Amino acid sequence: SSDRYSMQDLFDAEDVLLPELVSVHSTWAR
């Protein structure tokens, strides 16, 4: 789902989650 978050996701939101998502998104798109 694109709208489900865990508590850990919310803790990681800015410093961990966003770079992780960008990396996976880029890999899939490539």
Full PDB file with SEQRES, HELIX, SHEET, SSBOND, CRYST1, ORIGX, SCALE, CONECT and MASTER records, all heavy atoms in Angstrom:
SEQRES   1 A   30  SER SER ASP ARG TYR SER MET GLN ASP LEU PHE ASP ALA          
SEQRES   2 A   30  GLU ASP VAL LEU LEU PRO GLU LEU VAL SER VAL HIS SER          
SEQRES   3 A   30  THR TRP ALA ARG                                              
HELIX    1 AA1 MET A    7  ASP A   12  1                                   6    
HELIX    2 AA2 ALA A   13  LEU A   17  3                                   5    
HELIX    3 AA3 LEU A   18  ALA A   29  1                                  12    
CRYST1    1.000    1.000    1.000  90.00  90.00  90.00 P 1           1          
ORIGX1      1.000000  0.000000  0.000000        0.00000                         
ORIGX2      0.000000  1.000000  0.000000        0.00000                         
ORIGX3      0.000000  0.000000  1.000000        0.00000                         
SCALE1      1.000000  0.000000  0.000000        0.00000                         
SCALE2      0.000000  1.000000  0.000000        0.00000                         
SCALE3      0.000000  0.000000  1.000000        0.00000                         
ATOM      1  N   SER A   1       0.846  -1.185   0.000  1.00  0.00           N  
ATOM      2  CA  SER A   1       0.000   0.000   0.000  1.00  0.00           C  
ATOM      3  C   SER A   1       0.886   1.241   0.000  1.00  0.00           C  
ATOM      4  O   SER A   1       1.983   1.220   0.557  1.00  0.00           O  
ATOM      5  CB  SER A   1      -0.884  -0.011   1.248  1.00  0.00           C  
ATOM      6  OG  SER A   1      -1.502   1.234   1.431  1.00  0.00           O  
ATOM      7  N   SER A   2       0.394   2.319  -0.599  1.00  0.00           N  
ATOM      8  CA  SER A   2       1.194   3.546  -0.635  1.00  0.00           C  
ATOM      9  C   SER A   2       0.891   4.474   0.540  1.00  0.00           C  
ATOM     10  O   SER A   2       1.525   5.504   0.692  1.00  0.00           O  
ATOM     11  CB  SER A   2       0.963   4.288  -1.944  1.00  0.00           C  
ATOM     12  OG  SER A   2      -0.373   4.714  -2.038  1.00  0.00           O  
ATOM     13  N   ASP A   3      -0.054   4.102   1.392  1.00  0.00           N  
ATOM     14  CA  ASP A   3      -0.413   5.012   2.478  1.00  0.00           C  
ATOM     15  C   ASP A   3      -0.350   4.373   3.869  1.00  0.00           C  
ATOM     16  O   ASP A   3      -0.921   4.878   4.819  1.00  0.00           O  
ATOM     17  CB  ASP A   3      -1.786   5.613   2.231  1.00  0.00           C  
ATOM     18  CG  ASP A   3      -2.863   4.581   2.014  1.00  0.00           C  
ATOM     19  OD1 ASP A   3      -2.563   3.373   2.092  1.00  0.00           O  
ATOM     20  OD2 ASP A   3      -4.008   4.973   1.757  1.00  0.00           O  
ATOM     21  N   ARG A   4       0.375   3.292   4.002  1.00  0.00           N  
ATOM     22  CA  ARG A   4       0.527   2.636   5.302  1.00  0.00           C  
ATOM     23  C   ARG A   4       1.942   2.888   5.819  1.00  0.00           C  
ATOM     24  O   ARG A   4       2.915   2.696   5.100  1.00  0.00           O  
ATOM     25  CB  ARG A   4       0.297   1.133   5.142  1.00  0.00           C  
ATOM     26  CG  ARG A   4       0.264   0.398   6.453  1.00  0.00           C  
ATOM     27  CD  ARG A   4      -0.026  -1.071   6.271  1.00  0.00           C  
ATOM     28  NE  ARG A   4      -1.299  -1.237   5.577  1.00  0.00           N  
ATOM     29  CZ  ARG A   4      -1.643  -2.327   4.919  1.00  0.00           C  
ATOM     30  NH1 ARG A   4      -0.819  -3.341   4.833  1.00  0.00           N  
ATOM     31  NH2 ARG A   4      -2.813  -2.412   4.326  1.00  0.00           N  
ATOM     32  N   TYR A   5       2.037   3.330   7.060  1.00  0.00           N  
ATOM     33  CA  TYR A   5       3.336   3.608   7.673  1.00  0.00           C  
ATOM     34  C   TYR A   5       3.425   2.895   9.013  1.00  0.00           C  
ATOM     35  O   TYR A   5       2.442   2.782   9.735  1.00  0.00           O  
ATOM     36  CB  TYR A   5       3.509   5.119   7.928  1.00  0.00           C  
ATOM     37  CG  TYR A   5       3.668   5.925   6.678  1.00  0.00           C  
ATOM     38  CD1 TYR A   5       2.561   6.450   6.019  1.00  0.00           C  
ATOM     39  CD2 TYR A   5       4.927   6.173   6.147  1.00  0.00           C  
ATOM     40  CE1 TYR A   5       2.708   7.191   4.862  1.00  0.00           C  
ATOM     41  CE2 TYR A   5       5.087   6.919   4.989  1.00  0.00           C  
ATOM     42  CZ  TYR A   5       3.973   7.422   4.356  1.00  0.00           C  
ATOM     43  OH  TYR A   5       4.127   8.145   3.212  1.00  0.00           O  
ATOM     44  N   SER A   6       4.625   2.463   9.354  1.00  0.00           N  
ATOM     45  CA  SER A   6       4.866   1.903  10.688  1.00  0.00           C  
ATOM     46  C   SER A   6       5.385   3.030  11.578  1.00  0.00           C  
ATOM     47  O   SER A   6       5.768   4.098  11.096  1.00  0.00           O  
ATOM     48  CB  SER A   6       5.909   0.781  10.610  1.00  0.00           C  
ATOM     49  OG  SER A   6       7.182   1.322  10.310  1.00  0.00           O  
ATOM     50  N   MET A   7       5.431   2.785  12.861  1.00  0.00           N  
ATOM     51  CA  MET A   7       5.985   3.784  13.778  1.00  0.00           C  
ATOM     52  C   MET A   7       7.456   4.039  13.436  1.00  0.00           C  
ATOM     53  O   MET A   7       7.917   5.171  13.463  1.00  0.00           O  
ATOM     54  CB  MET A   7       5.852   3.324  15.232  1.00  0.00           C  
ATOM     55  CG  MET A   7       4.427   3.348  15.746  1.00  0.00           C  
ATOM     56  SD  MET A   7       3.677   4.986  15.683  1.00  0.00           S  
ATOM     57  CE  MET A   7       4.602   5.827  16.935  1.00  0.00           C  
ATOM     58  N   GLN A   8       8.160   2.975  13.075  1.00  0.00           N  
ATOM     59  CA  GLN A   8       9.572   3.126  12.715  1.00  0.00           C  
ATOM     60  C   GLN A   8       9.731   4.028  11.487  1.00  0.00           C  
ATOM     61  O   GLN A   8      10.640   4.836  11.412  1.00  0.00           O  
ATOM     62  CB  GLN A   8      10.217   1.758  12.459  1.00  0.00           C  
ATOM     63  CG  GLN A   8      11.715   1.828  12.266  1.00  0.00           C  
ATOM     64  CD  GLN A   8      12.429   2.343  13.519  1.00  0.00           C  
ATOM     65  OE1 GLN A   8      12.193   1.863  14.616  1.00  0.00           O  
ATOM     66  NE2 GLN A   8      13.303   3.321  13.340  1.00  0.00           N  
ATOM     67  N   ASP A   9       8.824   3.895  10.524  1.00  0.00           N  
ATOM     68  CA  ASP A   9       8.864   4.757   9.332  1.00  0.00           C  
ATOM     69  C   ASP A   9       8.763   6.220   9.741  1.00  0.00           C  
ATOM     70  O   ASP A   9       9.474   7.078   9.201  1.00  0.00           O  
ATOM     71  CB  ASP A   9       7.701   4.440   8.384  1.00  0.00           C  
ATOM     72  CG  ASP A   9       7.764   3.050   7.809  1.00  0.00           C  
ATOM     73  OD1 ASP A   9       8.872   2.473   7.732  1.00  0.00           O  
ATOM     74  OD2 ASP A   9       6.691   2.530   7.435  1.00  0.00           O  
ATOM     75  N   LEU A  10       7.891   6.507  10.689  1.00  0.00           N  
ATOM     76  CA  LEU A  10       7.702   7.891  11.123  1.00  0.00           C  
ATOM     77  C   LEU A  10       8.935   8.411  11.861  1.00  0.00           C  
ATOM     78  O   LEU A  10       9.317   9.567  11.692  1.00  0.00           O  
ATOM     79  CB  LEU A  10       6.446   8.012  11.988  1.00  0.00           C  
ATOM     80  CG  LEU A  10       5.143   7.633  11.272  1.00  0.00           C  
ATOM     81  CD1 LEU A  10       3.968   7.688  12.233  1.00  0.00           C  
ATOM     82  CD2 LEU A  10       4.898   8.506  10.064  1.00  0.00           C  
ATOM     83  N   PHE A  11       9.576   7.550  12.640  1.00  0.00           N  
ATOM     84  CA  PHE A  11      10.822   7.951  13.313  1.00  0.00           C  
ATOM     85  C   PHE A  11      11.940   8.211  12.300  1.00  0.00           C  
ATOM     86  O   PHE A  11      12.747   9.111  12.454  1.00  0.00           O  
ATOM     87  CB  PHE A  11      11.292   6.887  14.310  1.00  0.00           C  
ATOM     88  CG  PHE A  11      10.427   6.773  15.532  1.00  0.00           C  
ATOM     89  CD1 PHE A  11       9.947   5.538  15.934  1.00  0.00           C  
ATOM     90  CD2 PHE A  11      10.096   7.900  16.286  1.00  0.00           C  
ATOM     91  CE1 PHE A  11       9.145   5.424  17.069  1.00  0.00           C  
ATOM     92  CE2 PHE A  11       9.300   7.788  17.425  1.00  0.00           C  
ATOM     93  CZ  PHE A  11       8.819   6.548  17.812  1.00  0.00           C  
ATOM     94  N   ASP A  12      11.958   7.378  11.244  1.00  0.00           N  
ATOM     95  CA  ASP A  12      13.011   7.446  10.225  1.00  0.00           C  
ATOM     96  C   ASP A  12      12.721   8.455   9.114  1.00  0.00           C  
ATOM     97  O   ASP A  12      13.561   8.643   8.232  1.00  0.00           O  
ATOM     98  CB  ASP A  12      13.192   6.080   9.558  1.00  0.00           C  
ATOM     99  CG  ASP A  12      13.734   5.022  10.491  1.00  0.00           C  
ATOM    100  OD1 ASP A  12      14.250   5.389  11.560  1.00  0.00           O  
ATOM    101  OD2 ASP A  12      13.647   3.831  10.141  1.00  0.00           O  
ATOM    102  N   ALA A  13      11.568   9.087   9.157  1.00  0.00           N  
ATOM    103  CA  ALA A  13      11.039   9.851   8.024  1.00  0.00           C  
ATOM    104  C   ALA A  13      12.053  10.699   7.269  1.00  0.00           C  
ATOM    105  O   ALA A  13      12.220  10.533   6.067  1.00  0.00           O  
ATOM    106  CB  ALA A  13       9.862  10.712   8.472  1.00  0.00           C  
ATOM    107  N   GLU A  14      12.723  11.607   7.903  1.00  0.00           N  
ATOM    108  CA  GLU A  14      13.581  12.535   7.175  1.00  0.00           C  
ATOM    109  C   GLU A  14      14.976  12.014   6.896  1.00  0.00           C  
ATOM    110  O   GLU A  14      15.459  12.089   5.775  1.00  0.00           O  
ATOM    111  CB  GLU A  14      13.678  13.864   7.922  1.00  0.00           C  
ATOM    112  CG  GLU A  14      12.429  14.704   7.766  1.00  0.00           C  
ATOM    113  CD  GLU A  14      12.609  16.064   8.377  1.00  0.00           C  
ATOM    114  OE1 GLU A  14      13.694  16.644   8.217  1.00  0.00           O  
ATOM    115  OE2 GLU A  14      11.662  16.534   9.011  1.00  0.00           O  
ATOM    116  N   ASP A  15      15.629  11.486   7.902  1.00  0.00           N  
ATOM    117  CA  ASP A  15      17.046  11.167   7.740  1.00  0.00           C  
ATOM    118  C   ASP A  15      17.324   9.775   7.173  1.00  0.00           C  
ATOM    119  O   ASP A  15      18.355   9.563   6.546  1.00  0.00           O  
ATOM    120  CB  ASP A  15      17.805  11.363   9.046  1.00  0.00           C  
ATOM    121  CG  ASP A  15      17.212  10.584  10.208  1.00  0.00           C  
ATOM    122  OD1 ASP A  15      16.038  10.189  10.115  1.00  0.00           O  
ATOM    123  OD2 ASP A  15      17.916  10.382  11.211  1.00  0.00           O  
ATOM    124  N   VAL A  16      16.411   8.831   7.333  1.00  0.00           N  
ATOM    125  CA  VAL A  16      16.654   7.468   6.855  1.00  0.00           C  
ATOM    126  C   VAL A  16      15.679   7.071   5.745  1.00  0.00           C  
ATOM    127  O   VAL A  16      16.092   6.578   4.697  1.00  0.00           O  
ATOM    128  CB  VAL A  16      16.558   6.449   8.022  1.00  0.00           C  
ATOM    129  CG1 VAL A  16      16.708   5.023   7.519  1.00  0.00           C  
ATOM    130  CG2 VAL A  16      17.582   6.757   9.093  1.00  0.00           C  
ATOM    131  N   LEU A  17      14.415   7.302   5.971  1.00  0.00           N  
ATOM    132  CA  LEU A  17      13.379   6.811   5.064  1.00  0.00           C  
ATOM    133  C   LEU A  17      13.445   7.442   3.678  1.00  0.00           C  
ATOM    134  O   LEU A  17      13.416   6.733   2.666  1.00  0.00           O  
ATOM    135  CB  LEU A  17      11.990   7.033   5.671  1.00  0.00           C  
ATOM    136  CG  LEU A  17      10.812   6.515   4.860  1.00  0.00           C  
ATOM    137  CD1 LEU A  17      10.918   5.011   4.661  1.00  0.00           C  
ATOM    138  CD2 LEU A  17       9.503   6.869   5.542  1.00  0.00           C  
ATOM    139  N   LEU A  18      13.537   8.745   3.612  1.00  0.00           N  
ATOM    140  CA  LEU A  18      13.539   9.411   2.311  1.00  0.00           C  
ATOM    141  C   LEU A  18      14.707   8.967   1.437  1.00  0.00           C  
ATOM    142  O   LEU A  18      14.493   8.571   0.286  1.00  0.00           O  
ATOM    143  CB  LEU A  18      13.509  10.930   2.468  1.00  0.00           C  
ATOM    144  CG  LEU A  18      13.337  11.711   1.167  1.00  0.00           C  
ATOM    145  CD1 LEU A  18      12.071  11.302   0.430  1.00  0.00           C  
ATOM    146  CD2 LEU A  18      13.332  13.200   1.451  1.00  0.00           C  
ATOM    147  N   PRO A  19      15.955   8.960   1.940  1.00  0.00           N  
ATOM    148  CA  PRO A  19      17.055   8.472   1.096  1.00  0.00           C  
ATOM    149  C   PRO A  19      16.881   7.007   0.670  1.00  0.00           C  
ATOM    150  O   PRO A  19      17.207   6.634  -0.452  1.00  0.00           O  
ATOM    151  CB  PRO A  19      18.295   8.624   1.985  1.00  0.00           C  
ATOM    152  CG  PRO A  19      17.918   9.640   3.006  1.00  0.00           C  
ATOM    153  CD  PRO A  19      16.447   9.506   3.210  1.00  0.00           C  
ATOM    154  N   GLU A  20      16.326   6.205   1.570  1.00  0.00           N  
ATOM    155  CA  GLU A  20      16.085   4.796   1.254  1.00  0.00           C  
ATOM    156  C   GLU A  20      15.061   4.671   0.121  1.00  0.00           C  
ATOM    157  O   GLU A  20      15.262   3.917  -0.838  1.00  0.00           O  
ATOM    158  CB  GLU A  20      15.582   4.088   2.514  1.00  0.00           C  
ATOM    159  CG  GLU A  20      15.487   2.593   2.408  1.00  0.00           C  
ATOM    160  CD  GLU A  20      15.036   1.979   3.730  1.00  0.00           C  
ATOM    161  OE1 GLU A  20      15.557   2.374   4.795  1.00  0.00           O  
ATOM    162  OE2 GLU A  20      14.156   1.109   3.696  1.00  0.00           O  
ATOM    163  N   LEU A  21      13.967   5.420   0.224  1.00  0.00           N  
ATOM    164  CA  LEU A  21      12.941   5.398  -0.815  1.00  0.00           C  
ATOM    165  C   LEU A  21      13.475   5.906  -2.146  1.00  0.00           C  
ATOM    166  O   LEU A  21      13.189   5.335  -3.203  1.00  0.00           O  
ATOM    167  CB  LEU A  21      11.735   6.246  -0.404  1.00  0.00           C  
ATOM    168  CG  LEU A  21      10.731   5.601   0.520  1.00  0.00           C  
ATOM    169  CD1 LEU A  21       9.633   6.593   0.876  1.00  0.00           C  
ATOM    170  CD2 LEU A  21      10.145   4.356  -0.100  1.00  0.00           C  
ATOM    171  N   VAL A  22      14.227   6.985  -2.116  1.00  0.00           N  
ATOM    172  CA  VAL A  22      14.803   7.552  -3.337  1.00  0.00           C  
ATOM    173  C   VAL A  22      15.707   6.525  -4.009  1.00  0.00           C  
ATOM    174  O   VAL A  22      15.679   6.358  -5.233  1.00  0.00           O  
ATOM    175  CB  VAL A  22      15.559   8.866  -3.042  1.00  0.00           C  
ATOM    176  CG1 VAL A  22      16.399   9.301  -4.222  1.00  0.00           C  
ATOM    177  CG2 VAL A  22      14.571   9.965  -2.656  1.00  0.00           C  
ATOM    178  N   SER A  23      16.500   5.819  -3.217  1.00  0.00           N  
ATOM    179  CA  SER A  23      17.410   4.815  -3.759  1.00  0.00           C  
ATOM    180  C   SER A  23      16.656   3.670  -4.440  1.00  0.00           C  
ATOM    181  O   SER A  23      16.972   3.284  -5.566  1.00  0.00           O  
ATOM    182  CB  SER A  23      18.301   4.268  -2.644  1.00  0.00           C  
ATOM    183  OG  SER A  23      19.082   3.220  -3.113  1.00  0.00           O  
ATOM    184  N   VAL A  24      15.643   3.126  -3.772  1.00  0.00           N  
ATOM    185  CA  VAL A  24      14.859   2.019  -4.338  1.00  0.00           C  
ATOM    186  C   VAL A  24      14.097   2.513  -5.567  1.00  0.00           C  
ATOM    187  O   VAL A  24      14.084   1.842  -6.609  1.00  0.00           O  
ATOM    188  CB  VAL A  24      13.901   1.410  -3.287  1.00  0.00           C  
ATOM    189  CG1 VAL A  24      12.993   0.375  -3.927  1.00  0.00           C  
ATOM    190  CG2 VAL A  24      14.691   0.798  -2.141  1.00  0.00           C  
ATOM    191  N   HIS A  25      13.481   3.671  -5.480  1.00  0.00           N  
ATOM    192  CA  HIS A  25      12.751   4.263  -6.606  1.00  0.00           C  
ATOM    193  C   HIS A  25      13.674   4.395  -7.816  1.00  0.00           C  
ATOM    194  O   HIS A  25      13.316   4.023  -8.937  1.00  0.00           O  
ATOM    195  CB  HIS A  25      12.186   5.626  -6.188  1.00  0.00           C  
ATOM    196  CG  HIS A  25      11.341   6.293  -7.199  1.00  0.00           C  
ATOM    197  ND1 HIS A  25      11.868   6.963  -8.286  1.00  0.00           N  
ATOM    198  CD2 HIS A  25       9.992   6.423  -7.309  1.00  0.00           C  
ATOM    199  CE1 HIS A  25      10.896   7.468  -9.011  1.00  0.00           C  
ATOM    200  NE2 HIS A  25       9.742   7.147  -8.437  1.00  0.00           N  
ATOM    201  N   SER A  26      14.867   4.912  -7.607  1.00  0.00           N  
ATOM    202  CA  SER A  26      15.836   5.093  -8.695  1.00  0.00           C  
ATOM    203  C   SER A  26      16.259   3.766  -9.305  1.00  0.00           C  
ATOM    204  O   SER A  26      16.366   3.644 -10.525  1.00  0.00           O  
ATOM    205  CB  SER A  26      17.075   5.828  -8.191  1.00  0.00           C  
ATOM    206  OG  SER A  26      16.742   7.108  -7.761  1.00  0.00           O  
ATOM    207  N   THR A  27      16.479   2.783  -8.460  1.00  0.00           N  
ATOM    208  CA  THR A  27      16.881   1.461  -8.941  1.00  0.00           C  
ATOM    209  C   THR A  27      15.781   0.837  -9.787  1.00  0.00           C  
ATOM    210  O   THR A  27      16.035   0.305 -10.877  1.00  0.00           O  
ATOM    211  CB  THR A  27      17.234   0.535  -7.760  1.00  0.00           C  
ATOM    212  OG1 THR A  27      18.303   1.121  -7.021  1.00  0.00           O  
ATOM    213  CG2 THR A  27      17.627  -0.856  -8.222  1.00  0.00           C  
ATOM    214  N   TRP A  28      14.554   0.898  -9.302  1.00  0.00           N  
ATOM    215  CA  TRP A  28      13.430   0.337 -10.052  1.00  0.00           C  
ATOM    216  C   TRP A  28      13.226   1.095 -11.356  1.00  0.00           C  
ATOM    217  O   TRP A  28      13.028   0.483 -12.406  1.00  0.00           O  
ATOM    218  CB  TRP A  28      12.158   0.375  -9.216  1.00  0.00           C  
ATOM    219  CG  TRP A  28      12.111  -0.618  -8.092  1.00  0.00           C  
ATOM    220  CD1 TRP A  28      13.114  -1.440  -7.651  1.00  0.00           C  
ATOM    221  CD2 TRP A  28      10.996  -0.889  -7.261  1.00  0.00           C  
ATOM    222  NE1 TRP A  28      12.687  -2.190  -6.598  1.00  0.00           N  
ATOM    223  CE2 TRP A  28      11.385  -1.882  -6.332  1.00  0.00           C  
ATOM    224  CE3 TRP A  28       9.705  -0.379  -7.194  1.00  0.00           C  
ATOM    225  CZ2 TRP A  28      10.522  -2.382  -5.363  1.00  0.00           C  
ATOM    226  CZ3 TRP A  28       8.836  -0.873  -6.220  1.00  0.00           C  
ATOM    227  CH2 TRP A  28       9.244  -1.876  -5.316  1.00  0.00           C  
ATOM    228  N   ALA A  29      13.253   2.413 -11.295  1.00  0.00           N  
ATOM    229  CA  ALA A  29      13.049   3.223 -12.503  1.00  0.00           C  
ATOM    230  C   ALA A  29      14.150   2.949 -13.523  1.00  0.00           C  
ATOM    231  O   ALA A  29      13.878   2.837 -14.725  1.00  0.00           O  
ATOM    232  CB  ALA A  29      13.006   4.705 -12.149  1.00  0.00           C  
ATOM    233  N   ARG A  30      15.393   2.827 -13.073  1.00  0.00           N  
ATOM    234  CA  ARG A  30      16.500   2.540 -13.990  1.00  0.00           C  
ATOM    235  C   ARG A  30      16.296   1.180 -14.649  1.00  0.00           C  
ATOM    236  O   ARG A  30      16.503   1.013 -15.839  1.00  0.00           O  
ATOM    237  CB  ARG A  30      17.841   2.596 -13.255  1.00  0.00           C  
ATOM    238  CG  ARG A  30      19.037   2.424 -14.191  1.00  0.00           C  
ATOM    239  CD  ARG A  30      20.389   2.519 -13.497  1.00  0.00           C  
ATOM    240  NE  ARG A  30      20.538   1.496 -12.471  1.00  0.00           N  
ATOM    241  CZ  ARG A  30      20.581   1.729 -11.155  1.00  0.00           C  
ATOM    242  NH1 ARG A  30      20.503   2.960 -10.695  1.00  0.00           N  
ATOM    243  NH2 ARG A  30      20.701   0.751 -10.299  1.00  0.00           N  
TER     244      ARG A  30                                                      
MASTER        0    0    0    3    0    0    0    6  243    1    0    3          
END                                                                             
